[in-house]
Amino acid sequence: MDKLLRDYSPWPVLGTGAVVGAVGWALIINLLGKWPVSPDHDRRFLFFVALWLALGGTSLPLIWLLHRRFGRPDAGESWRSFGVLARQAAWAGAWVTACVWLQMHRMLNWAMALLLAVVLVLLEALLLMRQRTEMEFEE
């Protein structure tokens, strides 16, 4: 496991996270400069997309670091897959964006946030199990 960690370069993950996060944060800063929103130009949808990009890009290096620190030896190559890392960063961004949207409508409470997090974690676990069984059948 340690040899795999040393051979894997973090630069694609860090670079992608920095670019996507910078684009998202730049969009948010640009949008916040043009508020308050007029009825003719409703920019809420663009704000939520920018927030999702910003949080997903920012969380990508953190998720890579968590995989590197707490990765299981029996996980095989799936933990190193850039697609898995990007998908998990997208889940993190989607969770926070959904919580912000719920809070905007005054519907967010701790139970709703926890339920949404549990659903996203279970969905990711199912996707990882499916990927693992596909890899086993290929061998």
Protein backbone atom coordinates (compact mmCIF):
# COMPACT_ATOMS: atom_id res chain seq x y z
CA MET A 1 0.00 0.00 0.00
CA ASP A 2 2.78 2.43 0.84
CA LYS A 3 4.42 1.86 -2.54
CA LEU A 4 1.15 2.71 -4.30
CA LEU A 5 0.87 5.91 -2.30
CA ARG A 6 4.40 6.96 -3.19
CA ASP A 7 3.90 6.23 -6.89
CA TYR A 8 0.69 8.24 -7.21
CA SER A 9 1.26 11.89 -8.03
CA PRO A 10 -1.03 14.34 -6.24
CA TRP A 11 -0.58 17.08 -8.85
CA PRO A 12 -3.55 16.18 -11.12
CA VAL A 13 -5.87 16.20 -8.09
CA LEU A 14 -4.43 19.40 -6.64
CA GLY A 15 -4.40 21.15 -10.02
CA THR A 16 -7.95 20.18 -10.91
CA GLY A 17 -9.22 21.12 -7.46
CA ALA A 18 -7.46 24.50 -7.64
CA VAL A 19 -8.80 25.32 -11.11
CA VAL A 20 -12.40 24.23 -10.44
CA GLY A 21 -12.41 25.86 -7.01
CA ALA A 22 -10.95 29.11 -8.38
CA VAL A 23 -13.57 29.26 -11.14
CA GLY A 24 -16.36 28.65 -8.64
CA TRP A 25 -15.11 31.20 -6.12
CA ALA A 26 -14.53 33.78 -8.88
CA LEU A 27 -18.10 33.29 -10.08
CA ILE A 28 -19.43 33.69 -6.55
CA ILE A 29 -17.44 36.88 -6.00
CA ASN A 30 -18.63 38.22 -9.34
CA LEU A 31 -22.25 37.37 -8.56
CA LEU A 32 -22.14 38.86 -5.07
CA GLY A 33 -20.90 42.12 -6.55
CA LYS A 34 -24.04 42.37 -8.67
CA TRP A 35 -26.58 41.83 -5.87
CA PRO A 36 -29.31 42.65 -4.89
CA VAL A 37 -31.00 40.58 -7.54
CA SER A 38 -33.65 42.29 -9.59
CA PRO A 39 -36.72 40.37 -10.77
CA ASP A 40 -35.47 40.72 -14.34
CA HIS A 41 -32.11 39.09 -13.61
CA ASP A 42 -32.50 36.22 -11.20
CA ARG A 43 -29.04 34.78 -10.64
CA ARG A 44 -29.87 32.26 -7.91
CA PHE A 45 -29.39 29.23 -10.15
CA LEU A 46 -25.99 30.48 -11.27
CA PHE A 47 -25.10 31.14 -7.64
CA PHE A 48 -25.89 27.55 -6.66
CA VAL A 49 -23.92 26.15 -9.60
CA ALA A 50 -20.96 28.37 -8.69
CA LEU A 51 -21.24 27.32 -5.04
CA TRP A 52 -21.25 23.65 -6.04
CA LEU A 53 -18.18 24.16 -8.24
CA ALA A 54 -16.35 26.15 -5.57
CA LEU A 55 -17.01 23.66 -2.78
CA GLY A 56 -16.41 20.61 -4.97
CA GLY A 57 -13.11 21.97 -6.24
CA THR A 58 -12.02 23.07 -2.80
CA SER A 59 -12.86 19.72 -1.23
CA LEU A 60 -11.08 17.63 -3.90
CA PRO A 61 -7.56 17.92 -2.36
CA LEU A 62 -9.02 17.29 1.10
CA ILE A 63 -10.75 14.14 -0.10
CA TRP A 64 -7.52 12.97 -1.75
CA LEU A 65 -5.73 13.55 1.56
CA LEU A 66 -8.39 11.58 3.46
CA HIS A 67 -8.08 8.70 1.00
CA ARG A 68 -4.32 8.75 1.33
CA ARG A 69 -4.44 8.79 5.14
CA PHE A 70 -7.33 6.41 5.80
CA GLY A 71 -7.28 4.23 2.67
CA ARG A 72 -7.76 0.54 3.23
CA PRO A 73 -5.16 -1.91 1.92
CA ASP A 74 -7.89 -4.14 0.45
CA ALA A 75 -9.43 -1.30 -1.56
CA GLY A 76 -7.15 -2.08 -4.50
CA GLU A 77 -6.88 0.52 -7.21
CA SER A 78 -10.33 2.02 -6.69
CA TRP A 79 -9.19 4.47 -4.01
CA ARG A 80 -6.69 5.97 -6.44
CA SER A 81 -9.16 6.50 -9.23
CA PHE A 82 -9.48 10.16 -10.10
CA GLY A 83 -13.12 9.58 -11.01
CA VAL A 84 -13.89 8.32 -7.50
CA LEU A 85 -12.16 11.30 -5.93
CA ALA A 86 -13.96 13.76 -8.21
CA ARG A 87 -17.32 12.08 -7.57
CA GLN A 88 -16.86 12.25 -3.81
CA ALA A 89 -15.85 15.91 -4.04
CA ALA A 90 -18.97 16.54 -6.12
CA TRP A 91 -21.07 14.83 -3.42
CA ALA A 92 -19.53 17.09 -0.78
CA GLY A 93 -20.25 20.19 -2.83
CA ALA A 94 -23.78 18.99 -3.59
CA TRP A 95 -24.48 18.35 0.10
CA VAL A 96 -23.43 21.84 1.18
CA THR A 97 -25.24 23.42 -1.78
CA ALA A 98 -28.43 21.51 -0.92
CA CYS A 99 -28.12 22.62 2.70
CA VAL A 100 -27.72 26.25 1.59
CA TRP A 101 -30.76 25.94 -0.68
CA LEU A 102 -32.82 24.41 2.14
CA GLN A 103 -31.69 27.17 4.50
CA MET A 104 -32.72 29.78 1.95
CA HIS A 105 -36.25 28.43 2.21
CA ARG A 106 -35.96 28.06 6.02
CA MET A 107 -36.38 24.29 5.80
CA LEU A 108 -32.94 23.20 7.03
CA ASN A 109 -32.53 21.62 10.43
CA TRP A 110 -29.97 19.20 11.78
CA ALA A 111 -32.13 16.16 11.03
CA MET A 112 -32.61 17.17 7.39
CA ALA A 113 -28.89 17.82 6.93
CA LEU A 114 -28.02 14.49 8.56
CA LEU A 115 -30.58 12.60 6.48
CA LEU A 116 -29.26 14.15 3.28
CA ALA A 117 -25.68 13.27 4.28
CA VAL A 118 -26.66 9.67 5.08
CA VAL A 119 -28.41 9.31 1.71
CA LEU A 120 -25.37 10.63 -0.16
CA VAL A 121 -22.97 8.40 1.80
CA LEU A 122 -25.14 5.33 1.14
CA LEU A 123 -25.34 6.19 -2.55
CA GLU A 124 -21.55 6.49 -2.73
CA ALA A 125 -21.15 3.19 -0.85
CA LEU A 126 -23.43 1.47 -3.37
CA LEU A 127 -21.45 2.91 -6.26
CA LEU A 128 -18.16 1.75 -4.72
CA MET A 129 -19.56 -1.75 -4.12
CA ARG A 130 -20.73 -1.92 -7.73
CA GLN A 131 -17.30 -0.82 -8.95
CA ARG A 132 -15.58 -3.39 -6.74
CA THR A 133 -17.78 -6.25 -8.00
CA GLU A 134 -17.20 -5.20 -11.61
CA MET A 135 -13.45 -5.27 -10.99
CA GLU A 136 -13.73 -8.75 -9.44
CA PHE A 137 -15.69 -10.12 -12.41
CA GLU A 138 -13.11 -8.73 -14.85
CA GLU A 139 -10.33 -10.70 -13.18
